[in-house]
N, C-alpha and C. Protein backbone atom coordinates (compact mmCIF):
# COMPACT_ATOMS: atom_id res chain seq x y z
N MET A 1 -20.63 2.59 4.43
CA MET A 1 -20.45 4.22 4.74
C MET A 1 -19.18 4.22 4.17
N LYS A 2 -18.43 3.88 4.56
CA LYS A 2 -16.57 3.89 4.44
C LYS A 2 -16.28 4.33 2.53
N HIS A 3 -17.33 3.02 1.65
CA HIS A 3 -17.18 3.92 0.52
C HIS A 3 -17.96 4.98 0.05
N VAL A 4 -18.70 5.52 0.24
CA VAL A 4 -19.47 6.53 0.12
C VAL A 4 -18.71 7.80 0.67
N PHE A 5 -18.17 7.84 1.72
CA PHE A 5 -17.21 8.90 2.11
C PHE A 5 -15.68 8.84 1.51
N VAL A 6 -15.04 7.52 1.15
CA VAL A 6 -13.96 7.77 0.50
C VAL A 6 -14.46 8.19 -1.10
N TRP A 7 -15.34 8.05 -1.82
CA TRP A 7 -15.27 8.54 -3.11
C TRP A 7 -15.66 9.96 -3.11
N PHE A 8 -16.42 10.09 -1.96
CA PHE A 8 -16.48 11.42 -2.01
C PHE A 8 -15.52 12.34 -1.53
N THR A 9 -14.76 11.68 -0.73
CA THR A 9 -13.48 12.72 -0.94
C THR A 9 -12.77 12.56 -1.93
N LYS A 10 -12.64 11.52 -2.96
CA LYS A 10 -11.87 11.49 -4.14
C LYS A 10 -12.17 12.61 -4.82
N ILE A 11 -14.07 12.59 -5.47
CA ILE A 11 -14.01 13.67 -6.42
C ILE A 11 -13.87 14.76 -5.66
N ILE A 12 -14.17 15.46 -4.73
CA ILE A 12 -13.95 16.68 -4.26
C ILE A 12 -12.42 16.90 -4.28
N ALA A 13 -11.64 16.10 -3.86
CA ALA A 13 -10.29 17.00 -4.13
C ALA A 13 -9.79 16.05 -5.36
N PHE A 14 -10.42 15.91 -6.24
CA PHE A 14 -9.89 15.64 -7.78
C PHE A 14 -9.03 16.86 -8.17
N PRO A 15 -9.75 17.98 -8.36
CA PRO A 15 -9.09 18.99 -9.23
C PRO A 15 -7.46 19.33 -7.86
N ALA A 16 -7.83 19.62 -7.31
CA ALA A 16 -6.08 19.63 -5.88
C ALA A 16 -5.24 18.75 -6.60
N GLN A 17 -5.91 17.34 -6.51
CA GLN A 17 -4.68 16.29 -6.60
C GLN A 17 -3.76 16.77 -7.80
N LEU A 18 -4.54 17.20 -8.86
CA LEU A 18 -3.88 17.14 -10.22
C LEU A 18 -3.02 18.38 -10.22
N VAL A 19 -3.29 19.18 -9.66
CA VAL A 19 -2.16 20.42 -9.38
C VAL A 19 -0.95 20.20 -8.37
N PHE A 20 -1.48 19.15 -7.22
CA PHE A 20 -0.42 18.69 -6.25
C PHE A 20 0.58 17.83 -6.59
N PHE A 21 -0.14 16.66 -7.04
CA PHE A 21 0.87 15.84 -7.28
C PHE A 21 1.49 15.90 -8.58
N ARG A 22 0.58 16.12 -9.81
CA ARG A 22 0.86 16.39 -11.18
C ARG A 22 1.66 14.75 -11.43
N LYS A 23 1.13 13.84 -10.74
CA LYS A 23 1.48 12.37 -11.13
C LYS A 23 2.22 11.84 -12.40
N GLN A 24 2.98 11.39 -12.87
CA GLN A 24 3.75 10.52 -13.55
C GLN A 24 3.59 8.48 -13.27
N ILE A 25 2.90 7.93 -13.96
CA ILE A 25 2.83 6.60 -13.44
C ILE A 25 3.46 5.83 -14.82
N PHE A 26 4.35 5.28 -14.44
CA PHE A 26 4.89 4.39 -15.02
C PHE A 26 4.74 2.82 -14.79
N TYR A 27 4.79 1.73 -15.74
CA TYR A 27 4.25 0.41 -15.35
C TYR A 27 5.48 -0.79 -16.08
N GLU A 28 5.92 -1.57 -14.97
CA GLU A 28 6.65 -2.59 -15.57
C GLU A 28 6.20 -3.26 -16.94
N ASN A 29 5.37 -3.57 -16.80
CA ASN A 29 4.32 -4.26 -17.83
C ASN A 29 2.72 -4.34 -17.68
N LYS A 30 2.58 -3.05 -18.34
CA LYS A 30 0.90 -2.21 -18.43
C LYS A 30 0.19 -3.32 -18.44
N LYS A 31 0.32 -4.53 -19.70
CA LYS A 31 -0.72 -5.38 -19.56
C LYS A 31 -0.85 -6.34 -18.64
N LYS A 32 -0.01 -6.34 -17.68
CA LYS A 32 0.18 -7.99 -16.76
C LYS A 32 -0.56 -6.59 -15.28
N SER A 33 -0.01 -5.90 -15.31
CA SER A 33 -0.27 -5.24 -14.13
C SER A 33 -0.57 -3.23 -14.36
N GLY A 34 -1.75 -3.16 -14.36
CA GLY A 34 -2.04 -1.97 -14.78
C GLY A 34 -2.71 -1.15 -13.34
N ARG A 35 -3.27 -0.01 -13.69
CA ARG A 35 -4.20 0.87 -12.38
C ARG A 35 -5.44 0.13 -12.09
N TYR A 36 -6.20 -0.49 -12.78
CA TYR A 36 -7.16 -1.03 -12.47
C TYR A 36 -7.35 -2.44 -12.08
N ILE A 37 -7.39 -2.40 -10.96
CA ILE A 37 -6.98 -4.02 -10.19
C ILE A 37 -8.40 -4.48 -10.11
N SER A 38 -8.61 -5.82 -10.20
CA SER A 38 -9.83 -6.82 -10.55
C SER A 38 -9.69 -7.84 -9.37
N GLY A 39 -10.39 -7.86 -8.39
CA GLY A 39 -10.70 -9.33 -7.17
C GLY A 39 -9.29 -8.43 -6.43
N GLY A 40 -9.15 -9.50 -5.32
CA GLY A 40 -8.51 -8.98 -4.19
C GLY A 40 -6.94 -9.03 -4.60
N ALA A 41 -6.43 -8.12 -4.06
CA ALA A 41 -4.83 -7.49 -4.07
C ALA A 41 -4.22 -7.15 -2.45
N ILE A 42 -2.87 -7.07 -2.65
CA ILE A 42 -2.32 -6.32 -1.86
C ILE A 42 -1.02 -5.24 -2.59
N VAL A 43 -1.24 -4.22 -1.94
CA VAL A 43 -0.76 -3.11 -2.96
C VAL A 43 0.40 -2.80 -1.43
N VAL A 44 1.94 -3.09 -1.98
CA VAL A 44 3.05 -2.72 -1.37
C VAL A 44 3.81 -2.09 -1.70
N SER A 45 4.37 -0.62 -1.08
CA SER A 45 4.90 0.39 -1.31
C SER A 45 5.77 0.52 -0.43
N ASN A 46 7.20 1.29 -0.76
CA ASN A 46 7.87 1.91 -0.29
C ASN A 46 7.12 3.24 0.48
N HIS A 47 7.70 3.62 1.66
CA HIS A 47 6.94 4.80 2.00
C HIS A 47 7.79 6.30 2.53
N THR A 48 7.94 7.23 1.78
CA THR A 48 8.60 8.52 2.21
C THR A 48 7.56 9.59 2.78
N SER A 49 6.47 8.97 2.71
CA SER A 49 5.74 10.83 3.00
C SER A 49 4.39 10.07 3.57
N LEU A 50 3.92 11.10 4.69
CA LEU A 50 2.14 10.63 4.91
C LEU A 50 1.44 10.65 3.34
N MET A 51 1.80 11.87 2.58
CA MET A 51 0.85 12.06 1.13
C MET A 51 1.22 10.50 0.28
N ASP A 52 1.77 9.64 0.66
CA ASP A 52 1.94 8.53 -0.31
C ASP A 52 0.68 7.79 -0.07
N TYR A 53 -0.04 7.69 0.97
CA TYR A 53 -1.65 7.07 0.81
C TYR A 53 -2.30 7.86 0.21
N CYS A 54 -2.42 9.24 0.02
CA CYS A 54 -3.29 10.09 -0.88
C CYS A 54 -2.76 10.04 -2.34
N LEU A 55 -1.67 10.01 -2.63
CA LEU A 55 -1.45 9.58 -3.88
C LEU A 55 -1.84 8.25 -4.41
N LEU A 56 -1.70 6.97 -3.94
CA LEU A 56 -2.34 5.87 -4.34
C LEU A 56 -3.29 5.97 -4.15
N LEU A 57 -4.38 6.81 -3.35
CA LEU A 57 -5.82 6.87 -3.82
C LEU A 57 -6.49 7.00 -4.84
N TYR A 58 -5.12 8.05 -5.72
CA TYR A 58 -5.30 8.71 -7.08
C TYR A 58 -4.88 7.62 -8.04
N VAL A 59 -4.19 6.85 -7.67
CA VAL A 59 -3.19 5.90 -8.84
C VAL A 59 -4.13 4.67 -9.04
N PHE A 60 -4.58 4.00 -7.85
CA PHE A 60 -5.61 3.33 -7.83
C PHE A 60 -7.26 3.68 -7.60
N TYR A 61 -7.39 4.51 -8.60
CA TYR A 61 -8.66 5.33 -8.40
C TYR A 61 -9.89 4.69 -8.36
N THR A 62 -10.14 3.04 -8.74
CA THR A 62 -11.22 2.84 -8.75
C THR A 62 -11.52 1.76 -7.64
N ARG A 63 -10.56 1.94 -6.78
CA ARG A 63 -10.76 0.73 -5.55
C ARG A 63 -10.73 1.53 -4.33
N LEU A 64 -11.45 0.97 -3.67
CA LEU A 64 -10.89 1.39 -2.05
C LEU A 64 -9.79 0.84 -1.35
N LEU A 65 -8.89 1.25 -1.09
CA LEU A 65 -7.75 0.85 -0.57
C LEU A 65 -7.60 1.21 1.21
N ARG A 66 -7.66 -0.27 1.66
CA ARG A 66 -7.79 -0.21 2.81
C ARG A 66 -6.09 -0.57 3.44
N VAL A 67 -5.86 0.49 4.14
CA VAL A 67 -4.36 0.80 4.57
C VAL A 67 -3.70 0.57 6.17
N LEU A 68 -3.18 -0.43 6.49
CA LEU A 68 -2.50 -0.71 7.46
C LEU A 68 -2.03 0.79 7.98
N THR A 69 -2.41 0.87 9.38
CA THR A 69 -2.13 2.24 9.77
C THR A 69 -1.52 2.04 11.45
N ALA A 70 -0.81 2.56 11.71
CA ALA A 70 -0.05 2.54 13.30
C ALA A 70 -1.40 3.03 13.86
N GLU A 71 -1.01 2.72 15.11
CA GLU A 71 -2.13 2.72 16.55
C GLU A 71 -1.93 4.77 16.76
N VAL A 72 -0.66 4.81 16.47
CA VAL A 72 0.04 6.05 17.00
C VAL A 72 -1.13 7.31 16.09
N LEU A 73 -1.26 7.00 14.90
CA LEU A 73 -2.15 8.38 14.41
C LEU A 73 -3.85 8.35 14.95
N TYR A 74 -4.44 7.07 15.65
CA TYR A 74 -5.39 7.26 16.36
C TYR A 74 -5.23 7.70 17.76
N HIS A 75 -4.14 8.05 18.26
CA HIS A 75 -4.02 8.70 19.13
C HIS A 75 -4.17 10.28 19.31
N LYS A 76 -4.01 11.17 17.88
CA LYS A 76 -3.70 12.31 17.95
C LYS A 76 -4.92 13.14 17.91
N ASN A 77 -5.96 12.74 17.94
CA ASN A 77 -7.46 14.13 18.09
C ASN A 77 -8.34 13.26 17.83
N PRO A 78 -9.66 13.31 18.10
CA PRO A 78 -10.85 12.77 17.71
C PRO A 78 -11.51 12.67 16.13
N VAL A 79 -11.13 13.79 15.99
CA VAL A 79 -11.69 14.07 14.60
C VAL A 79 -10.71 13.19 13.56
N LEU A 80 -9.32 13.04 13.78
CA LEU A 80 -8.47 12.71 13.06
C LEU A 80 -9.12 10.67 12.80
N THR A 81 -9.10 10.53 13.90
CA THR A 81 -9.54 9.06 14.63
C THR A 81 -11.20 8.42 13.08
N LEU A 82 -11.93 9.36 13.66
CA LEU A 82 -12.92 9.54 12.74
C LEU A 82 -12.87 9.63 11.28
N ILE A 83 -11.72 10.12 10.70
CA ILE A 83 -11.39 10.20 9.62
C ILE A 83 -11.01 8.96 8.90
N LEU A 84 -9.69 8.60 9.82
CA LEU A 84 -9.34 7.16 9.79
C LEU A 84 -10.00 6.23 9.34
N LYS A 85 -11.31 5.77 10.47
CA LYS A 85 -12.08 5.02 10.61
C LYS A 85 -12.79 4.98 8.98
N LEU A 86 -13.64 6.19 8.86
CA LEU A 86 -14.46 6.57 7.48
C LEU A 86 -13.73 6.48 6.39
N MET A 87 -12.32 6.35 6.35
CA MET A 87 -11.46 6.17 5.16
C MET A 87 -10.83 4.62 5.04
N GLY A 88 -11.59 3.83 5.60
CA GLY A 88 -11.43 2.24 6.04
C GLY A 88 -10.29 2.10 6.22
N MET A 89 -9.56 2.58 6.91
CA MET A 89 -8.15 2.33 7.26
C MET A 89 -7.85 0.77 8.38
N ILE A 90 -7.04 -0.23 8.47
CA ILE A 90 -7.12 -1.20 9.38
C ILE A 90 -5.81 -0.53 10.20
N LYS A 91 -6.35 -0.71 11.54
CA LYS A 91 -5.69 -0.31 12.82
C LYS A 91 -4.44 -1.53 13.14
N VAL A 92 -3.53 -1.15 13.45
CA VAL A 92 -2.59 -2.13 13.60
C VAL A 92 -2.00 -1.23 15.10
N ASP A 93 -2.16 -2.09 16.23
CA ASP A 93 -1.45 -1.85 17.21
C ASP A 93 -0.03 -2.50 17.65
N ARG A 94 0.76 -2.11 17.96
CA ARG A 94 2.11 -2.30 17.47
C ARG A 94 2.43 -2.78 19.19
N PHE A 95 1.40 -2.27 20.04
CA PHE A 95 1.91 -3.19 21.24
C PHE A 95 0.86 -3.97 22.18
N LYS A 96 -0.01 -4.52 20.81
CA LYS A 96 -0.67 -5.60 21.76
C LYS A 96 -0.32 -7.16 20.90
N PRO A 97 -0.32 -7.66 21.71
CA PRO A 97 0.05 -9.46 21.11
C PRO A 97 -1.22 -9.63 20.43
N ASP A 98 -2.07 -9.60 20.29
CA ASP A 98 -3.07 -10.24 19.33
C ASP A 98 -2.68 -9.90 17.57
N LEU A 99 -3.48 -10.39 16.82
CA LEU A 99 -2.74 -10.33 15.10
C LEU A 99 -4.60 -10.04 14.70
N GLU A 100 -5.50 -9.06 15.47
CA GLU A 100 -6.32 -8.81 15.17
C GLU A 100 -7.03 -8.21 13.40
N TYR A 101 -5.87 -7.49 13.39
CA TYR A 101 -5.51 -6.83 11.98
C TYR A 101 -5.32 -7.88 10.94
N MET A 102 -4.55 -8.70 11.39
CA MET A 102 -4.16 -9.85 10.07
C MET A 102 -5.79 -10.51 9.45
N THR A 103 -6.54 -10.64 10.54
CA THR A 103 -7.68 -11.37 10.32
C THR A 103 -8.57 -10.72 9.12
N GLU A 104 -8.65 -9.15 10.00
CA GLU A 104 -9.37 -8.10 9.18
C GLU A 104 -8.72 -8.07 7.80
N CYS A 105 -7.65 -8.22 7.65
CA CYS A 105 -6.89 -7.92 6.58
C CYS A 105 -7.46 -9.14 5.40
N ALA A 106 -7.26 -10.33 5.91
CA ALA A 106 -7.66 -11.54 5.34
C ALA A 106 -8.69 -11.86 4.64
N ASP A 107 -10.06 -11.19 5.86
CA ASP A 107 -11.26 -10.90 5.18
C ASP A 107 -11.71 -10.44 4.08
N VAL A 108 -10.71 -8.82 3.98
CA VAL A 108 -11.06 -7.83 3.17
C VAL A 108 -10.74 -8.58 2.06
N LEU A 109 -9.72 -9.29 1.77
CA LEU A 109 -8.94 -10.11 0.56
C LEU A 109 -9.85 -11.09 0.26
N LYS A 110 -10.23 -11.83 0.78
CA LYS A 110 -11.37 -13.14 0.74
C LYS A 110 -12.32 -12.17 -0.17
N ASP A 111 -13.21 -11.18 0.40
CA ASP A 111 -13.92 -10.79 -0.26
C ASP A 111 -13.69 -9.35 -1.15
N GLY A 112 -12.55 -9.85 -1.70
CA GLY A 112 -12.49 -9.49 -3.19
C GLY A 112 -11.55 -7.93 -3.09
N GLY A 113 -11.33 -7.53 -1.63
CA GLY A 113 -10.81 -6.35 -1.41
C GLY A 113 -9.81 -5.88 -1.87
N VAL A 114 -9.00 -4.68 -1.62
CA VAL A 114 -8.00 -4.05 -1.92
C VAL A 114 -7.18 -3.48 -0.72
N VAL A 115 -6.04 -4.48 0.08
CA VAL A 115 -5.17 -3.89 1.21
C VAL A 115 -4.01 -2.91 0.47
N GLY A 116 -3.56 -2.12 1.33
CA GLY A 116 -2.39 -1.50 1.06
C GLY A 116 -1.36 -1.68 2.27
N ILE A 117 0.05 -1.87 2.01
CA ILE A 117 0.92 -1.55 3.29
C ILE A 117 2.28 -1.53 2.78
N PHE A 118 2.55 -0.80 4.08
CA PHE A 118 4.16 0.19 3.56
C PHE A 118 4.99 -0.86 4.80
N PRO A 119 5.76 -1.69 4.06
CA PRO A 119 5.88 -3.19 5.06
C PRO A 119 7.21 -2.46 5.80
N GLU A 120 7.67 -0.96 5.36
CA GLU A 120 9.14 -1.00 6.09
C GLU A 120 8.49 -0.32 7.54
N GLY A 121 7.23 -0.06 7.80
CA GLY A 121 6.55 0.25 9.20
C GLY A 121 6.82 1.83 9.93
N ARG A 122 7.61 2.57 9.07
CA ARG A 122 7.74 4.11 9.06
C ARG A 122 8.14 5.12 7.56
N ILE A 123 8.11 6.25 7.96
CA ILE A 123 8.50 7.17 6.84
C ILE A 123 10.35 7.00 6.37
N ILE A 124 10.35 6.63 5.46
CA ILE A 124 11.87 6.91 5.26
C ILE A 124 12.28 7.86 4.61
N ARG A 125 13.40 8.72 5.05
CA ARG A 125 14.20 9.75 4.18
C ARG A 125 15.07 9.49 3.81
N GLY A 126 15.23 9.65 2.30
CA GLY A 126 17.03 9.49 1.71
C GLY A 126 16.92 8.74 1.29
N ASN A 127 18.29 8.01 1.40
CA ASN A 127 19.00 6.55 0.95
C ASN A 127 18.48 5.63 1.88
N ASP A 128 17.99 6.15 3.04
CA ASP A 128 17.57 4.68 4.01
C ASP A 128 16.62 3.93 3.96
N SER A 129 16.87 2.98 4.23
CA SER A 129 15.66 1.63 4.40
C SER A 129 15.43 0.80 5.45
N GLU A 130 14.53 0.47 5.53
CA GLU A 130 14.50 -0.87 6.63
C GLU A 130 13.95 -2.28 5.56
N VAL A 131 14.26 -3.00 7.06
CA VAL A 131 13.56 -4.58 6.85
C VAL A 131 12.11 -4.60 6.21
N PHE A 132 11.86 -5.57 5.00
CA PHE A 132 10.07 -5.17 5.39
C PHE A 132 9.67 -6.30 6.06
N LYS A 133 8.46 -5.83 6.54
CA LYS A 133 7.80 -6.73 7.59
C LYS A 133 7.30 -7.99 6.98
N PRO A 134 7.03 -8.75 7.64
CA PRO A 134 6.26 -10.26 6.94
C PRO A 134 5.11 -10.33 6.89
N THR A 135 4.05 -8.90 6.65
CA THR A 135 2.80 -9.10 7.05
C THR A 135 1.93 -9.71 5.58
N ALA A 136 2.79 -8.60 4.84
CA ALA A 136 2.25 -9.07 3.20
C ALA A 136 2.13 -10.36 2.54
N VAL A 137 3.66 -10.89 2.98
CA VAL A 137 3.48 -12.34 2.11
C VAL A 137 3.17 -13.54 3.18
N TYR A 138 2.74 -13.01 4.33
CA TYR A 138 1.95 -13.96 5.22
C TYR A 138 0.58 -13.70 4.60
N LEU A 139 0.31 -12.72 4.32
CA LEU A 139 -1.48 -12.79 3.67
C LEU A 139 -1.06 -13.07 2.30
N ALA A 140 -0.48 -12.93 1.56
CA ALA A 140 -0.55 -13.42 0.28
C ALA A 140 -0.55 -15.05 0.34
N VAL A 141 0.23 -15.35 1.38
CA VAL A 141 -0.02 -16.91 1.14
C VAL A 141 -1.17 -17.56 1.86
N LYS A 142 -1.36 -16.83 2.76
CA LYS A 142 -2.96 -17.55 3.37
C LYS A 142 -3.96 -17.08 2.35
N THR A 143 -4.13 -16.11 1.47
CA THR A 143 -5.27 -15.95 0.95
C THR A 143 -5.49 -16.10 -0.51
N GLY A 144 -3.84 -15.82 -1.08
CA GLY A 144 -3.35 -16.39 -2.34
C GLY A 144 -3.81 -15.56 -3.09
N VAL A 145 -3.98 -14.12 -2.91
CA VAL A 145 -3.95 -13.16 -3.89
C VAL A 145 -2.57 -12.88 -4.01
N PRO A 146 -2.62 -11.80 -5.35
CA PRO A 146 -1.51 -11.54 -5.88
C PRO A 146 -0.72 -9.94 -5.29
N ILE A 147 0.39 -9.74 -5.08
CA ILE A 147 0.68 -8.77 -4.33
C ILE A 147 1.46 -8.09 -5.53
N ILE A 148 0.41 -6.70 -5.30
CA ILE A 148 1.09 -5.49 -6.51
C ILE A 148 2.56 -4.57 -5.99
N PRO A 149 3.74 -5.07 -6.74
CA PRO A 149 4.78 -3.68 -5.62
C PRO A 149 4.39 -2.63 -6.32
N VAL A 150 4.88 -1.52 -5.59
CA VAL A 150 4.64 -0.30 -6.17
C VAL A 150 6.10 0.80 -5.61
N TYR A 151 6.23 1.66 -6.58
CA TYR A 151 7.54 2.66 -5.82
C TYR A 151 7.28 3.57 -5.99
N CYS A 152 7.19 4.28 -5.03
CA CYS A 152 7.05 5.84 -5.19
C CYS A 152 7.90 7.07 -5.06
N GLU A 153 8.20 7.86 -5.73
CA GLU A 153 9.60 8.91 -5.54
C GLU A 153 9.23 9.52 -4.36
N GLY A 154 8.16 10.15 -4.04
CA GLY A 154 7.77 10.66 -3.07
C GLY A 154 7.97 12.59 -3.11
N HIS A 155 8.29 12.99 -4.13
CA HIS A 155 8.25 14.44 -4.70
C HIS A 155 7.12 15.06 -4.76
N TYR A 156 6.97 15.84 -3.59
CA TYR A 156 5.33 16.15 -3.51
C TYR A 156 5.14 17.81 -3.21
N GLY A 157 4.41 18.50 -3.85
CA GLY A 157 4.43 19.90 -4.36
C GLY A 157 3.99 20.71 -5.33
N PHE A 158 3.71 21.81 -5.76
CA PHE A 158 3.08 22.43 -6.65
C PHE A 158 4.29 22.64 -7.58
N LYS A 159 5.63 22.62 -7.22
CA LYS A 159 6.89 22.47 -8.25
C LYS A 159 7.23 21.26 -8.49
N ASP A 160 6.77 20.32 -8.03
CA ASP A 160 7.45 18.87 -8.21
C ASP A 160 6.27 18.05 -9.09
N ARG A 161 6.87 16.78 -9.54
CA ARG A 161 6.12 15.75 -9.79
C ARG A 161 5.97 14.65 -9.18
N ALA A 162 5.14 14.03 -8.81
CA ALA A 162 5.16 12.56 -7.80
C ALA A 162 5.25 11.79 -8.99
N ARG A 163 6.10 10.72 -8.93
CA ARG A 163 6.46 9.44 -9.91
C ARG A 163 6.23 8.18 -9.21
N VAL A 164 5.25 6.91 -10.14
CA VAL A 164 5.09 6.28 -9.19
C VAL A 164 5.14 5.15 -10.26
N VAL A 165 5.73 3.83 -10.05
CA VAL A 165 6.10 2.38 -10.72
C VAL A 165 5.35 1.52 -10.43
N ILE A 166 4.42 1.09 -11.39
CA ILE A 166 3.39 -0.16 -10.62
C ILE A 166 4.25 -1.37 -11.61
N GLY A 167 4.80 -2.36 -10.53
CA GLY A 167 5.86 -3.40 -11.06
C GLY A 167 4.70 -4.87 -11.39
N ASP A 168 4.81 -5.81 -11.88
CA ASP A 168 4.00 -6.89 -12.06
C ASP A 168 3.47 -7.85 -11.04
N LYS A 169 2.26 -8.22 -11.04
CA LYS A 169 2.09 -8.80 -10.26
C LYS A 169 3.08 -9.80 -9.45
N ILE A 170 2.65 -9.98 -8.43
CA ILE A 170 3.48 -11.64 -7.69
C ILE A 170 2.60 -12.39 -6.54
N TYR A 171 2.95 -13.83 -7.21
CA TYR A 171 1.78 -14.84 -6.82
C TYR A 171 3.03 -15.27 -6.00
N PHE A 172 3.04 -15.47 -4.81
CA PHE A 172 4.01 -17.00 -3.36
C PHE A 172 2.86 -17.90 -3.72
N GLN A 173 3.42 -18.95 -4.10
CA GLN A 173 2.61 -20.21 -4.38
C GLN A 173 3.78 -21.26 -3.15
N GLU A 174 3.49 -20.67 -2.01
CA GLU A 174 4.21 -21.67 -0.87
C GLU A 174 3.19 -22.26 -0.47
N ASP A 175 3.68 -23.33 0.55
CA ASP A 175 2.95 -24.46 1.70
C ASP A 175 2.28 -23.53 2.80
N ALA A 176 0.92 -23.38 3.21
CA ALA A 176 0.29 -23.00 3.82
C ALA A 176 1.16 -22.79 5.61
N ASN A 177 2.14 -24.56 5.65
CA ASN A 177 2.98 -24.14 6.71
C ASN A 177 4.42 -23.74 6.85
N ILE A 178 4.08 -22.36 5.78
CA ILE A 178 5.59 -21.74 5.35
C ILE A 178 6.29 -21.43 6.75
N THR A 179 7.58 -21.64 6.61
CA THR A 179 8.17 -21.45 7.71
C THR A 179 8.82 -19.61 7.93
N SER A 180 9.10 -19.23 9.41
CA SER A 180 9.58 -17.94 9.30
C SER A 180 10.39 -17.54 8.49
N GLU A 181 11.33 -18.74 8.61
CA GLU A 181 12.74 -18.19 7.78
C GLU A 181 12.21 -18.26 6.34
N ARG A 182 11.63 -18.70 5.67
CA ARG A 182 11.19 -18.77 4.11
C ARG A 182 10.33 -16.84 4.18
N VAL A 183 9.39 -16.96 4.89
CA VAL A 183 9.04 -15.37 5.07
C VAL A 183 9.59 -14.63 4.69
N THR A 184 11.00 -14.62 5.62
CA THR A 184 11.92 -13.74 5.72
C THR A 184 12.70 -13.12 4.61
N GLU A 185 12.76 -14.51 3.88
CA GLU A 185 13.44 -14.62 2.87
C GLU A 185 12.46 -14.07 1.60
N LEU A 186 11.02 -14.10 1.69
CA LEU A 186 10.39 -13.65 0.57
C LEU A 186 10.00 -12.35 0.75
N SER A 187 9.98 -11.80 2.21
CA SER A 187 9.95 -10.27 2.31
C SER A 187 11.20 -9.72 1.84
N ALA A 188 12.07 -10.07 2.20
CA ALA A 188 13.76 -9.31 1.23
C ALA A 188 13.45 -9.23 0.05
N GLN A 189 13.09 -10.52 -0.86
CA GLN A 189 12.97 -10.17 -2.10
C GLN A 189 11.89 -9.31 -2.66
N LEU A 190 10.69 -9.42 -1.93
CA LEU A 190 9.85 -7.82 -2.09
C LEU A 190 10.54 -6.81 -1.93
N LYS A 191 11.08 -6.58 -0.60
CA LYS A 191 11.76 -5.58 -0.87
C LYS A 191 12.51 -5.24 -2.08
N GLU A 192 13.24 -6.08 -2.47
CA GLU A 192 14.25 -5.97 -3.77
C GLU A 192 13.67 -5.66 -4.61
N LYS A 193 12.76 -6.14 -4.97
CA LYS A 193 11.50 -6.18 -6.54
C LYS A 193 11.25 -4.44 -5.98
N VAL A 194 10.59 -4.11 -4.81
CA VAL A 194 9.93 -2.73 -5.02
C VAL A 194 11.04 -1.55 -5.26
N TYR A 195 11.92 -1.73 -4.67
CA TYR A 195 13.31 -0.72 -4.69
C TYR A 195 13.92 -1.11 -6.28
N SER A 196 13.89 -1.88 -7.07
CA SER A 196 14.33 -2.57 -8.30
C SER A 196 13.60 -1.51 -9.27
N LEU A 197 12.09 -1.07 -8.95
CA LEU A 197 11.22 -0.30 -9.70
C LEU A 197 11.83 1.30 -10.00
N ARG A 198 12.71 1.61 -9.08
CA ARG A 198 13.20 3.28 -9.24
C ARG A 198 13.77 3.71 -10.42
N GLY A 199 14.46 1.99 -10.97
CA GLY A 199 15.09 2.28 -11.91
C GLY A 199 14.18 2.65 -13.20
N LEU A 200 13.25 2.28 -13.06
CA LEU A 200 12.17 2.81 -14.58
C LEU A 200 12.01 4.16 -14.65
N ILE A 201 11.86 4.96 -13.36
CA ILE A 201 12.12 6.10 -13.09
C ILE A 201 13.54 7.01 -14.18
N GLN A 202 14.39 6.07 -13.57
CA GLN A 202 15.58 6.88 -14.07
C GLN A 202 15.94 6.57 -15.48
N LYS A 203 15.16 5.72 -16.12
CA LYS A 203 15.20 5.56 -17.66
C LYS A 203 14.58 6.41 -18.41
């Protein structure tokens, strides 16, 4: 059902996104990491707007992107909650001690699916930034799938162009008993990688 709804949405909104996003896509190395993802992968991106998710739907057009979504959006209204479920979002309840969403993410990845994560956990304005939360690193180590770093410039509107950079795949070949300190270190490296892609737009 999720696949049907997502594809229906993508097809119906395709003409509108061509005009609204006017996207430009750049690559660190197109031969290594392009738009067409094969097998399981984790897409990690900075987060400047709620529109980032919609943009990534059309950047990785051929795949169902299961994005981690905060519980607050599920409390807005029943219609939005239904849409989030049909779009295949993975609910993250930040106020519950359990990590059910991690199990769901791991199952998706092991089945060859794609999980999308905005690891700063909130929308970032201007030159602000946040520490990357460790979810992506833990999942990459646990499942062995690559992380695809993405930088979104976040300019949306009919007079702007949405620019995206897709970086080379990252594999974290770490021991399964990885320490929290090592995860923090790798998460910091991942953040540095994502934000370094911004330079390709400037070039």
